[in-house]
Amino acid sequence: MDIKIENNDICLKPNGEAVLISGIEQAVQQVTLAVRIPKNSFIYDRNLGINGEVDYYTDGIEKKIEALINECLVHTDVSVKVLFISRSGERIVIGVEVYNGYESCYTEVVING
């Protein structure tokens, strides 16, 4: 289980308790954080994050991004497949299929936009 993060902050219930997530929702959150957080910037886990490590404008970079995401995932049963990278100016969208050993989910992670 993880604490749910929304809008770059911990999501809280009305009573002030943190909202917990698990399953595919937890896996998707983990992948999203791995892509968006700059390497070494997350104080609780210096291995989390790939942002700033790759040049998203390099041809064929999808496999390298996929490998970097898989390296920094906490749960070994979670894996990702980068389906595409869309670039428009500074805005980058990465289409990712997340699989947690039981179910899969498609998500898009937006960087710089």
PDB file of N, CA and C in Angstrom:
ATOM      1  N   MET A   1       0.835  -1.183   0.000  1.00  0.00           N
ATOM      2  CA  MET A   1       0.000   0.000   0.000  1.00  0.00           C
ATOM      3  C   MET A   1       0.878   1.245   0.000  1.00  0.00           C
ATOM      4  N   ASP A   2       0.370   2.278  -0.640  1.00  0.00           N
ATOM      5  CA  ASP A   2       1.037   3.576  -0.680  1.00  0.00           C
ATOM      6  C   ASP A   2       0.050   4.656  -0.271  1.00  0.00           C
ATOM      7  N   ILE A   3       0.589   5.795   0.069  1.00  0.00           N
ATOM      8  CA  ILE A   3      -0.239   6.975   0.310  1.00  0.00           C
ATOM      9  C   ILE A   3      -0.542   7.603  -1.039  1.00  0.00           C
ATOM     10  N   LYS A   4      -1.803   7.945  -1.265  1.00  0.00           N
ATOM     11  CA  LYS A   4      -2.212   8.538  -2.544  1.00  0.00           C
ATOM     12  C   LYS A   4      -1.722   9.981  -2.635  1.00  0.00           C
ATOM     13  N   ILE A   5      -1.166  10.309  -3.793  1.00  0.00           N
ATOM     14  CA  ILE A   5      -0.697  11.664  -4.053  1.00  0.00           C
ATOM     15  C   ILE A   5      -1.503  12.243  -5.208  1.00  0.00           C
ATOM     16  N   GLU A   6      -2.090  13.418  -4.986  1.00  0.00           N
ATOM     17  CA  GLU A   6      -2.835  14.140  -6.014  1.00  0.00           C
ATOM     18  C   GLU A   6      -2.379  15.587  -6.026  1.00  0.00           C
ATOM     19  N   ASN A   7      -2.223  16.146  -7.198  1.00  0.00           N
ATOM     20  CA  ASN A   7      -1.802  17.540  -7.330  1.00  0.00           C
ATOM     21  C   ASN A   7      -0.536  17.824  -6.520  1.00  0.00           C
ATOM     22  N   ASN A   8       0.409  16.884  -6.574  1.00  0.00           N
ATOM     23  CA  ASN A   8       1.701  17.005  -5.899  1.00  0.00           C
ATOM     24  C   ASN A   8       1.609  17.087  -4.387  1.00  0.00           C
ATOM     25  N   ASP A   9       0.541  16.553  -3.794  1.00  0.00           N
ATOM     26  CA  ASP A   9       0.375  16.586  -2.352  1.00  0.00           C
ATOM     27  C   ASP A   9      -0.291  15.295  -1.878  1.00  0.00           C
ATOM     28  N   ILE A  10      -0.143  14.998  -0.605  1.00  0.00           N
ATOM     29  CA  ILE A  10      -0.781  13.822  -0.020  1.00  0.00           C
ATOM     30  C   ILE A  10      -2.283  14.036   0.005  1.00  0.00           C
ATOM     31  N   CYS A  11      -3.023  13.031  -0.428  1.00  0.00           N
ATOM     32  CA  CYS A  11      -4.482  13.086  -0.450  1.00  0.00           C
ATOM     33  C   CYS A  11      -4.995  12.670   0.941  1.00  0.00           C
ATOM     34  N   LEU A  12      -5.847  13.504   1.535  1.00  0.00           N
ATOM     35  CA  LEU A  12      -6.358  13.243   2.874  1.00  0.00           C
ATOM     36  C   LEU A  12      -7.857  13.029   2.872  1.00  0.00           C
ATOM     37  N   LYS A  13      -8.306  12.174   3.802  1.00  0.00           N
ATOM     38  CA  LYS A  13      -9.730  11.979   4.045  1.00  0.00           C
ATOM     39  C   LYS A  13     -10.232  13.175   4.856  1.00  0.00           C
ATOM     40  N   PRO A  14     -11.555  13.367   4.956  1.00  0.00           N
ATOM     41  CA  PRO A  14     -12.086  14.475   5.756  1.00  0.00           C
ATOM     42  C   PRO A  14     -11.608  14.468   7.214  1.00  0.00           C
ATOM     43  N   ASN A  15     -11.298  13.287   7.755  1.00  0.00           N
ATOM     44  CA  ASN A  15     -10.836  13.213   9.144  1.00  0.00           C
ATOM     45  C   ASN A  15      -9.331  13.455   9.285  1.00  0.00           C
ATOM     46  N   GLY A  16      -8.644  13.744   8.185  1.00  0.00           N
ATOM     47  CA  GLY A  16      -7.217  14.045   8.210  1.00  0.00           C
ATOM     48  C   GLY A  16      -6.300  12.865   7.976  1.00  0.00           C
ATOM     49  N   GLU A  17      -6.851  11.663   7.895  1.00  0.00           N
ATOM     50  CA  GLU A  17      -6.031  10.489   7.608  1.00  0.00           C
ATOM     51  C   GLU A  17      -5.640  10.467   6.138  1.00  0.00           C
ATOM     52  N   ALA A  18      -4.474   9.913   5.883  1.00  0.00           N
ATOM     53  CA  ALA A  18      -4.017   9.787   4.498  1.00  0.00           C
ATOM     54  C   ALA A  18      -4.830   8.718   3.778  1.00  0.00           C
ATOM     55  N   VAL A  19      -5.133   8.978   2.501  1.00  0.00           N
ATOM     56  CA  VAL A  19      -5.821   8.000   1.661  1.00  0.00           C
ATOM     57  C   VAL A  19      -4.781   6.979   1.200  1.00  0.00           C
ATOM     58  N   LEU A  20      -5.069   5.704   1.377  1.00  0.00           N
ATOM     59  CA  LEU A  20      -4.156   4.646   0.960  1.00  0.00           C
ATOM     60  C   LEU A  20      -4.635   4.027  -0.346  1.00  0.00           C
ATOM     61  N   ILE A  21      -3.694   3.633  -1.183  1.00  0.00           N
ATOM     62  CA  ILE A  21      -4.022   2.982  -2.440  1.00  0.00           C
ATOM     63  C   ILE A  21      -3.230   1.693  -2.560  1.00  0.00           C
ATOM     64  N   SER A  22      -3.744   0.794  -3.373  1.00  0.00           N
ATOM     65  CA  SER A  22      -3.049  -0.470  -3.623  1.00  0.00           C
ATOM     66  C   SER A  22      -3.402  -0.938  -5.025  1.00  0.00           C
ATOM     67  N   GLY A  23      -2.917  -2.109  -5.394  1.00  0.00           N
ATOM     68  CA  GLY A  23      -3.247  -2.683  -6.694  1.00  0.00           C
ATOM     69  C   GLY A  23      -2.734  -1.857  -7.849  1.00  0.00           C
ATOM     70  N   ILE A  24      -3.512  -1.848  -8.901  1.00  0.00           N
ATOM     71  CA  ILE A  24      -3.086  -1.168 -10.128  1.00  0.00           C
ATOM     72  C   ILE A  24      -2.974   0.342  -9.926  1.00  0.00           C
ATOM     73  N   GLU A  25      -3.825   0.913  -9.069  1.00  0.00           N
ATOM     74  CA  GLU A  25      -3.739   2.358  -8.798  1.00  0.00           C
ATOM     75  C   GLU A  25      -2.399   2.710  -8.167  1.00  0.00           C
ATOM     76  N   GLN A  26      -1.927   1.874  -7.257  1.00  0.00           N
ATOM     77  CA  GLN A  26      -0.623   2.076  -6.639  1.00  0.00           C
ATOM     78  C   GLN A  26       0.493   1.952  -7.685  1.00  0.00           C
ATOM     79  N   ALA A  27       0.389   0.964  -8.558  1.00  0.00           N
ATOM     80  CA  ALA A  27       1.405   0.747  -9.588  1.00  0.00           C
ATOM     81  C   ALA A  27       1.478   1.928 -10.546  1.00  0.00           C
ATOM     82  N   VAL A  28       0.324   2.433 -10.965  1.00  0.00           N
ATOM     83  CA  VAL A  28       0.296   3.583 -11.883  1.00  0.00           C
ATOM     84  C   VAL A  28       0.908   4.808 -11.204  1.00  0.00           C
ATOM     85  N   GLN A  29       0.573   5.028  -9.944  1.00  0.00           N
ATOM     86  CA  GLN A  29       1.151   6.173  -9.228  1.00  0.00           C
ATOM     87  C   GLN A  29       2.663   6.044  -9.142  1.00  0.00           C
ATOM     88  N   GLN A  30       3.139   4.854  -8.870  1.00  0.00           N
ATOM     89  CA  GLN A  30       4.573   4.615  -8.764  1.00  0.00           C
ATOM     90  C   GLN A  30       5.287   4.926 -10.086  1.00  0.00           C
ATOM     91  N   VAL A  31       4.696   4.498 -11.189  1.00  0.00           N
ATOM     92  CA  VAL A  31       5.286   4.765 -12.498  1.00  0.00           C
ATOM     93  C   VAL A  31       5.265   6.261 -12.804  1.00  0.00           C
ATOM     94  N   THR A  32       4.135   6.908 -12.530  1.00  0.00           N
ATOM     95  CA  THR A  32       4.013   8.347 -12.780  1.00  0.00           C
ATOM     96  C   THR A  32       5.069   9.126 -12.004  1.00  0.00           C
ATOM     97  N   LEU A  33       5.244   8.793 -10.745  1.00  0.00           N
ATOM     98  CA  LEU A  33       6.263   9.471  -9.943  1.00  0.00           C
ATOM     99  C   LEU A  33       7.660   9.199 -10.485  1.00  0.00           C
ATOM    100  N   ALA A  34       7.920   7.967 -10.891  1.00  0.00           N
ATOM    101  CA  ALA A  34       9.234   7.623 -11.427  1.00  0.00           C
ATOM    102  C   ALA A  34       9.576   8.463 -12.649  1.00  0.00           C
ATOM    103  N   VAL A  35       8.583   8.714 -13.494  1.00  0.00           N
ATOM    104  CA  VAL A  35       8.824   9.477 -14.723  1.00  0.00           C
ATOM    105  C   VAL A  35       8.955  10.970 -14.437  1.00  0.00           C
ATOM    106  N   ARG A  36       8.142  11.491 -13.555  1.00  0.00           N
ATOM    107  CA  ARG A  36       8.084  12.939 -13.354  1.00  0.00           C
ATOM    108  C   ARG A  36       9.124  13.504 -12.390  1.00  0.00           C
ATOM    109  N   ILE A  37       9.594  12.693 -11.460  1.00  0.00           N
ATOM    110  CA  ILE A  37      10.516  13.190 -10.440  1.00  0.00           C
ATOM    111  C   ILE A  37      11.953  13.157 -10.969  1.00  0.00           C
ATOM    112  N   PRO A  38      12.690  14.252 -10.779  1.00  0.00           N
ATOM    113  CA  PRO A  38      14.103  14.232 -11.159  1.00  0.00           C
ATOM    114  C   PRO A  38      14.893  13.253 -10.294  1.00  0.00           C
ATOM    115  N   LYS A  39      15.823  12.549 -10.913  1.00  0.00           N
ATOM    116  CA  LYS A  39      16.661  11.574 -10.206  1.00  0.00           C
ATOM    117  C   LYS A  39      17.320  12.235  -8.996  1.00  0.00           C
ATOM    118  N   ASN A  40      17.356  11.526  -7.872  1.00  0.00           N
ATOM    119  CA  ASN A  40      17.985  11.938  -6.611  1.00  0.00           C
ATOM    120  C   ASN A  40      17.277  13.071  -5.878  1.00  0.00           C
ATOM    121  N   SER A  41      16.087  13.481  -6.304  1.00  0.00           N
ATOM    122  CA  SER A  41      15.431  14.603  -5.643  1.00  0.00           C
ATOM    123  C   SER A  41      14.418  14.183  -4.579  1.00  0.00           C
ATOM    124  N   PHE A  42      14.009  12.914  -4.565  1.00  0.00           N
ATOM    125  CA  PHE A  42      13.013  12.450  -3.613  1.00  0.00           C
ATOM    126  C   PHE A  42      13.749  11.966  -2.375  1.00  0.00           C
ATOM    127  N   ILE A  43      13.609  12.680  -1.253  1.00  0.00           N
ATOM    128  CA  ILE A  43      14.456  12.422  -0.084  1.00  0.00           C
ATOM    129  C   ILE A  43      14.239  11.046   0.533  1.00  0.00           C
ATOM    130  N   TYR A  44      13.058  10.465   0.346  1.00  0.00           N
ATOM    131  CA  TYR A  44      12.789   9.171   0.958  1.00  0.00           C
ATOM    132  C   TYR A  44      13.315   8.004   0.136  1.00  0.00           C
ATOM    133  N   ASP A  45      13.594   8.225  -1.123  1.00  0.00           N
ATOM    134  CA  ASP A  45      14.120   7.166  -1.979  1.00  0.00           C
ATOM    135  C   ASP A  45      14.921   7.813  -3.103  1.00  0.00           C
ATOM    136  N   ARG A  46      16.224   7.873  -2.931  1.00  0.00           N
ATOM    137  CA  ARG A  46      17.097   8.534  -3.908  1.00  0.00           C
ATOM    138  C   ARG A  46      17.140   7.811  -5.248  1.00  0.00           C
ATOM    139  N   ASN A  47      16.689   6.553  -5.298  1.00  0.00           N
ATOM    140  CA  ASN A  47      16.683   5.816  -6.554  1.00  0.00           C
ATOM    141  C   ASN A  47      15.459   6.121  -7.412  1.00  0.00           C
ATOM    142  N   LEU A  48      14.438   6.752  -6.815  1.00  0.00           N
ATOM    143  CA  LEU A  48      13.218   7.057  -7.558  1.00  0.00           C
ATOM    144  C   LEU A  48      13.460   8.243  -8.479  1.00  0.00           C
ATOM    145  N   GLY A  49      12.953   8.150  -9.682  1.00  0.00           N
ATOM    146  CA  GLY A  49      13.014   9.279 -10.609  1.00  0.00           C
ATOM    147  C   GLY A  49      13.945   9.053 -11.773  1.00  0.00           C
ATOM    148  N   ILE A  50      13.478   9.470 -12.949  1.00  0.00           N
ATOM    149  CA  ILE A  50      14.327   9.399 -14.138  1.00  0.00           C
ATOM    150  C   ILE A  50      14.405  10.736 -14.850  1.00  0.00           C
ATOM    151  N   ASN A  51      13.529  11.689 -14.490  1.00  0.00           N
ATOM    152  CA  ASN A  51      13.482  12.962 -15.200  1.00  0.00           C
ATOM    153  C   ASN A  51      14.851  13.646 -15.123  1.00  0.00           C
ATOM    154  N   GLY A  52      15.309  14.133 -16.246  1.00  0.00           N
ATOM    155  CA  GLY A  52      16.616  14.765 -16.316  1.00  0.00           C
ATOM    156  C   GLY A  52      17.730  13.808 -16.695  1.00  0.00           C
ATOM    157  N   GLU A  53      17.461  12.502 -16.670  1.00  0.00           N
ATOM    158  CA  GLU A  53      18.477  11.508 -17.019  1.00  0.00           C
ATOM    159  C   GLU A  53      18.490  11.172 -18.497  1.00  0.00           C
ATOM    160  N   VAL A  54      17.416  11.497 -19.182  1.00  0.00           N
ATOM    161  CA  VAL A  54      17.313  11.111 -20.588  1.00  0.00           C
ATOM    162  C   VAL A  54      16.977  12.313 -21.458  1.00  0.00           C
ATOM    163  N   ASP A  55      17.360  12.210 -22.702  1.00  0.00           N
ATOM    164  CA  ASP A  55      16.976  13.203 -23.696  1.00  0.00           C
ATOM    165  C   ASP A  55      15.760  12.644 -24.423  1.00  0.00           C
ATOM    166  N   TYR A  56      14.591  13.179 -24.118  1.00  0.00           N
ATOM    167  CA  TYR A  56      13.342  12.672 -24.679  1.00  0.00           C
ATOM    168  C   TYR A  56      13.245  12.874 -26.190  1.00  0.00           C
ATOM    169  N   TYR A  57      14.150  13.656 -26.755  1.00  0.00           N
ATOM    170  CA  TYR A  57      14.105  13.944 -28.188  1.00  0.00           C
ATOM    171  C   TYR A  57      15.018  13.042 -29.003  1.00  0.00           C
ATOM    172  N   THR A  58      15.662  12.070 -28.358  1.00  0.00           N
ATOM    173  CA  THR A  58      16.522  11.117 -29.045  1.00  0.00           C
ATOM    174  C   THR A  58      15.664  10.032 -29.681  1.00  0.00           C
ATOM    175  N   ASP A  59      15.935   9.711 -30.925  1.00  0.00           N
ATOM    176  CA  ASP A  59      15.205   8.627 -31.583  1.00  0.00           C
ATOM    177  C   ASP A  59      15.449   7.311 -30.855  1.00  0.00           C
ATOM    178  N   GLY A  60      14.394   6.526 -30.702  1.00  0.00           N
ATOM    179  CA  GLY A  60      14.503   5.218 -30.082  1.00  0.00           C
ATOM    180  C   GLY A  60      14.708   5.238 -28.572  1.00  0.00           C
ATOM    181  N   ILE A  61      14.395   6.340 -27.920  1.00  0.00           N
ATOM    182  CA  ILE A  61      14.630   6.479 -26.488  1.00  0.00           C
ATOM    183  C   ILE A  61      13.620   5.692 -25.641  1.00  0.00           C
ATOM    184  N   GLU A  62      12.552   5.222 -26.255  1.00  0.00           N
ATOM    185  CA  GLU A  62      11.486   4.527 -25.515  1.00  0.00           C
ATOM    186  C   GLU A  62      12.006   3.351 -24.688  1.00  0.00           C
ATOM    187  N   LYS A  63      12.852   2.531 -25.255  1.00  0.00           N
ATOM    188  CA  LYS A  63      13.372   1.346 -24.541  1.00  0.00           C
ATOM    189  C   LYS A  63      14.248   1.747 -23.352  1.00  0.00           C
ATOM    190  N   LYS A  64      15.033   2.800 -23.508  1.00  0.00           N
ATOM    191  CA  LYS A  64      15.866   3.258 -22.391  1.00  0.00           C
ATOM    192  C   LYS A  64      14.984   3.793 -21.273  1.00  0.00           C
ATOM    193  N   ILE A  65      13.953   4.557 -21.602  1.00  0.00           N
ATOM    194  CA  ILE A  65      13.032   5.075 -20.584  1.00  0.00           C
ATOM    195  C   ILE A  65      12.332   3.917 -19.879  1.00  0.00           C
ATOM    196  N   GLU A  66      11.895   2.950 -20.652  1.00  0.00           N
ATOM    197  CA  GLU A  66      11.247   1.763 -20.088  1.00  0.00           C
ATOM    198  C   GLU A  66      12.170   1.063 -19.088  1.00  0.00           C
ATOM    199  N   ALA A  67      13.419   0.885 -19.441  1.00  0.00           N
ATOM    200  CA  ALA A  67      14.384   0.220 -18.555  1.00  0.00           C
ATOM    201  C   ALA A  67      14.627   1.046 -17.293  1.00  0.00           C
ATOM    202  N   LEU A  68      14.762   2.356 -17.427  1.00  0.00           N
ATOM    203  CA  LEU A  68      14.993   3.214 -16.271  1.00  0.00           C
ATOM    204  C   LEU A  68      13.802   3.207 -15.317  1.00  0.00           C
ATOM    205  N   ILE A  69      12.591   3.242 -15.864  1.00  0.00           N
ATOM    206  CA  ILE A  69      11.398   3.178 -15.017  1.00  0.00           C
ATOM    207  C   ILE A  69      11.384   1.857 -14.260  1.00  0.00           C
ATOM    208  N   ASN A  70      11.591   0.757 -14.955  1.00  0.00           N
ATOM    209  CA  ASN A  70      11.574  -0.555 -14.305  1.00  0.00           C
ATOM    210  C   ASN A  70      12.646  -0.678 -13.223  1.00  0.00           C
ATOM    211  N   GLU A  71      13.789  -0.025 -13.408  1.00  0.00           N
ATOM    212  CA  GLU A  71      14.857  -0.063 -12.410  1.00  0.00           C
ATOM    213  C   GLU A  71      14.463   0.623 -11.112  1.00  0.00           C
ATOM    214  N   CYS A  72      13.677   1.685 -11.187  1.00  0.00           N
ATOM    215  CA  CYS A  72      13.391   2.444  -9.969  1.00  0.00           C
ATOM    216  C   CYS A  72      12.051   2.087  -9.327  1.00  0.00           C
ATOM    217  N   LEU A  73      11.352   1.096  -9.845  1.00  0.00           N
ATOM    218  CA  LEU A  73      10.101   0.682  -9.222  1.00  0.00           C
ATOM    219  C   LEU A  73      10.373  -0.100  -7.942  1.00  0.00           C
ATOM    220  N   VAL A  74       9.580   0.186  -6.918  1.00  0.00           N
ATOM    221  CA  VAL A  74       9.752  -0.439  -5.614  1.00  0.00           C
ATOM    222  C   VAL A  74       9.313  -1.900  -5.641  1.00  0.00           C
ATOM    223  N   HIS A  75       8.174  -2.154  -6.257  1.00  0.00           N
ATOM    224  CA  HIS A  75       7.624  -3.507  -6.278  1.00  0.00           C
ATOM    225  C   HIS A  75       8.104  -4.243  -7.527  1.00  0.00           C
ATOM    226  N   THR A  76       8.735  -5.371  -7.333  1.00  0.00           N
ATOM    227  CA  THR A  76       9.313  -6.094  -8.451  1.00  0.00           C
ATOM    228  C   THR A  76       8.268  -6.747  -9.342  1.00  0.00           C
ATOM    229  N   ASP A  77       7.025  -6.866  -8.860  1.00  0.00           N
ATOM    230  CA  ASP A  77       5.994  -7.460  -9.709  1.00  0.00           C
ATOM    231  C   ASP A  77       5.363  -6.435 -10.652  1.00  0.00           C
ATOM    232  N   VAL A  78       5.753  -5.167 -10.533  1.00  0.00           N
ATOM    233  CA  VAL A  78       5.257  -4.123 -11.419  1.00  0.00           C
ATOM    234  C   VAL A  78       6.227  -3.962 -12.581  1.00  0.00           C
ATOM    235  N   SER A  79       5.686  -3.934 -13.786  1.00  0.00           N
ATOM    236  CA  SER A  79       6.522  -3.688 -14.956  1.00  0.00           C
ATOM    237  C   SER A  79       5.805  -2.717 -15.882  1.00  0.00           C
ATOM    238  N   VAL A  80       6.572  -2.087 -16.729  1.00  0.00           N
ATOM    239  CA  VAL A  80       5.998  -1.104 -17.650  1.00  0.00           C
ATOM    240  C   VAL A  80       6.470  -1.376 -19.067  1.00  0.00           C
ATOM    241  N   LYS A  81       5.667  -0.912 -19.988  1.00  0.00           N
ATOM    242  CA  LYS A  81       6.031  -0.914 -21.402  1.00  0.00           C
ATOM    243  C   LYS A  81       5.717   0.481 -21.921  1.00  0.00           C
ATOM    244  N   VAL A  82       6.726   1.172 -22.417  1.00  0.00           N
ATOM    245  CA  VAL A  82       6.523   2.494 -23.006  1.00  0.00           C
ATOM    246  C   VAL A  82       5.991   2.289 -24.416  1.00  0.00           C
ATOM    247  N   LEU A  83       4.780   2.759 -24.651  1.00  0.00           N
ATOM    248  CA  LEU A  83       4.127   2.570 -25.942  1.00  0.00           C
ATOM    249  C   LEU A  83       4.469   3.670 -26.937  1.00  0.00           C
ATOM    250  N   PHE A  84       4.613   4.899 -26.432  1.00  0.00           N
ATOM    251  CA  PHE A  84       4.965   6.008 -27.321  1.00  0.00           C
ATOM    252  C   PHE A  84       5.459   7.197 -26.518  1.00  0.00           C
ATOM    253  N   ILE A  85       6.143   8.096 -27.217  1.00  0.00           N
ATOM    254  CA  ILE A  85       6.510   9.396 -26.672  1.00  0.00           C
ATOM    255  C   ILE A  85       6.069  10.429 -27.691  1.00  0.00           C
ATOM    256  N   SER A  86       5.269  11.375 -27.236  1.00  0.00           N
ATOM    257  CA  SER A  86       4.795  12.453 -28.093  1.00  0.00           C
ATOM    258  C   SER A  86       5.455  13.749 -27.637  1.00  0.00           C
ATOM    259  N   ARG A  87       6.033  14.475 -28.578  1.00  0.00           N
ATOM    260  CA  ARG A  87       6.742  15.714 -28.261  1.00  0.00           C
ATOM    261  C   ARG A  87       6.106  16.867 -29.011  1.00  0.00           C
ATOM    262  N   SER A  88       5.820  17.917 -28.288  1.00  0.00           N
ATOM    263  CA  SER A  88       5.302  19.137 -28.890  1.00  0.00           C
ATOM    264  C   SER A  88       5.925  20.316 -28.154  1.00  0.00           C
ATOM    265  N   GLY A  89       6.977  20.849 -28.721  1.00  0.00           N
ATOM    266  CA  GLY A  89       7.711  21.909 -28.034  1.00  0.00           C
ATOM    267  C   GLY A  89       8.340  21.354 -26.769  1.00  0.00           C
ATOM    268  N   GLU A  90       8.068  21.997 -25.638  1.00  0.00           N
ATOM    269  CA  GLU A  90       8.578  21.543 -24.347  1.00  0.00           C
ATOM    270  C   GLU A  90       7.717  20.450 -23.735  1.00  0.00           C
ATOM    271  N   ARG A  91       6.481  20.298 -24.215  1.00  0.00           N
ATOM    272  CA  ARG A  91       5.542  19.325 -23.645  1.00  0.00           C
ATOM    273  C   ARG A  91       5.848  17.924 -24.181  1.00  0.00           C
ATOM    274  N   ILE A  92       5.986  16.984 -23.248  1.00  0.00           N
ATOM    275  CA  ILE A  92       6.270  15.599 -23.593  1.00  0.00           C
ATOM    276  C   ILE A  92       5.209  14.725 -22.947  1.00  0.00           C
ATOM    277  N   VAL A  93       4.629  13.828 -23.718  1.00  0.00           N
ATOM    278  CA  VAL A  93       3.651  12.873 -23.200  1.00  0.00           C
ATOM    279  C   VAL A  93       4.202  11.471 -23.437  1.00  0.00           C
ATOM    280  N   ILE A  94       4.242  10.682 -22.369  1.00  0.00           N
ATOM    281  CA  ILE A  94       4.717   9.311 -22.469  1.00  0.00           C
ATOM    282  C   ILE A  94       3.535   8.386 -22.219  1.00  0.00           C
ATOM    283  N   GLY A  95       3.210   7.561 -23.203  1.00  0.00           N
ATOM    284  CA  GLY A  95       2.143   6.572 -23.064  1.00  0.00           C
ATOM    285  C   GLY A  95       2.729   5.287 -22.511  1.00  0.00           C
ATOM    286  N   VAL A  96       2.185   4.825 -21.373  1.00  0.00           N
ATOM    287  CA  VAL A  96       2.761   3.695 -20.668  1.00  0.00           C
ATOM    288  C   VAL A  96       1.688   2.662 -20.325  1.00  0.00           C
ATOM    289  N   GLU A  97       2.012   1.399 -20.534  1.00  0.00           N
ATOM    290  CA  GLU A  97       1.173   0.319 -20.039  1.00  0.00           C
ATOM    291  C   GLU A  97       1.824  -0.205 -18.764  1.00  0.00           C
ATOM    292  N   VAL A  98       1.054  -0.210 -17.674  1.00  0.00           N
ATOM    293  CA  VAL A  98       1.545  -0.639 -16.367  1.00  0.00           C
ATOM    294  C   VAL A  98       0.907  -1.985 -16.043  1.00  0.00           C
ATOM    295  N   TYR A  99       1.736  -2.926 -15.602  1.00  0.00           N
ATOM    296  CA  TYR A  99       1.246  -4.258 -15.252  1.00  0.00           C
ATOM    297  C   TYR A  99       1.748  -4.591 -13.852  1.00  0.00           C
ATOM    298  N   ASN A 100       0.846  -4.987 -12.958  1.00  0.00           N
ATOM    299  CA  ASN A 100       1.236  -5.263 -11.575  1.00  0.00           C
ATOM    300  C   ASN A 100       1.217  -6.747 -11.218  1.00  0.00           C
ATOM    301  N   GLY A 101       1.223  -7.609 -12.198  1.00  0.00           N
ATOM    302  CA  GLY A 101       1.195  -9.035 -11.944  1.00  0.00           C
ATOM    303  C   GLY A 101      -0.202  -9.633 -11.975  1.00  0.00           C
ATOM    304  N   TYR A 102      -1.224  -8.761 -11.898  1.00  0.00           N
ATOM    305  CA  TYR A 102      -2.617  -9.215 -11.890  1.00  0.00           C
ATOM    306  C   TYR A 102      -3.453  -8.530 -12.964  1.00  0.00           C
ATOM    307  N   GLU A 103      -3.200  -7.252 -13.137  1.00  0.00           N
ATOM    308  CA  GLU A 103      -3.977  -6.483 -14.101  1.00  0.00           C
ATOM    309  C   GLU A 103      -3.084  -5.421 -14.725  1.00  0.00           C
ATOM    310  N   SER A 104      -3.534  -4.901 -15.865  1.00  0.00           N
ATOM    311  CA  SER A 104      -2.764  -3.851 -16.532  1.00  0.00           C
ATOM    312  C   SER A 104      -3.638  -2.619 -16.715  1.00  0.00           C
ATOM    313  N   CYS A 105      -2.956  -1.502 -16.917  1.00  0.00           N
ATOM    314  CA  CYS A 105      -3.643  -0.222 -17.074  1.00  0.00           C
ATOM    315  C   CYS A 105      -2.797   0.664 -17.984  1.00  0.00           C
ATOM    316  N   TYR A 106      -3.457   1.406 -18.837  1.00  0.00           N
ATOM    317  CA  TYR A 106      -2.778   2.368 -19.701  1.00  0.00           C
ATOM    318  C   TYR A 106      -2.854   3.739 -19.042  1.00  0.00           C
ATOM    319  N   THR A 107      -1.752   4.462 -19.054  1.00  0.00           N
ATOM    320  CA  THR A 107      -1.748   5.830 -18.544  1.00  0.00           C
ATOM    321  C   THR A 107      -0.820   6.687 -19.380  1.00  0.00           C
ATOM    322  N   GLU A 108      -1.054   7.973 -19.348  1.00  0.00           N
ATOM    323  CA  GLU A 108      -0.169   8.926 -20.019  1.00  0.00           C
ATOM    324  C   GLU A 108       0.436   9.838 -18.958  1.00  0.00           C
ATOM    325  N   VAL A 109       1.751  10.002 -19.028  1.00  0.00           N
ATOM    326  CA  VAL A 109       2.456  10.869 -18.097  1.00  0.00           C
ATOM    327  C   VAL A 109       2.927  12.095 -18.871  1.00  0.00           C
ATOM    328  N   VAL A 110       2.548  13.270 -18.378  1.00  0.00           N
ATOM    329  CA  VAL A 110       2.903  14.527 -19.036  1.00  0.00           C
ATOM    330  C   VAL A 110       4.069  15.165 -18.306  1.00  0.00           C
ATOM    331  N   ILE A 111       5.056  15.560 -19.065  1.00  0.00           N
ATOM    332  CA  ILE A 111       6.226  16.239 -18.530  1.00  0.00           C
ATOM    333  C   ILE A 111       6.296  17.628 -19.170  1.00  0.00           C
ATOM    334  N   ASN A 112       6.583  18.616 -18.368  1.00  0.00           N
ATOM    335  CA  ASN A 112       6.691  20.009 -18.855  1.00  0.00           C
ATOM    336  C   ASN A 112       5.410  20.496 -19.493  1.00  0.00           C
ATOM    337  N   GLY A 113       4.312  20.220 -18.928  1.00  0.00           N
ATOM    338  CA  GLY A 113       3.079  20.715 -19.528  1.00  0.00           C
ATOM    339  C   GLY A 113       1.927  20.359 -18.708  1.00  0.00           C
TER     340      GLY A 113
END
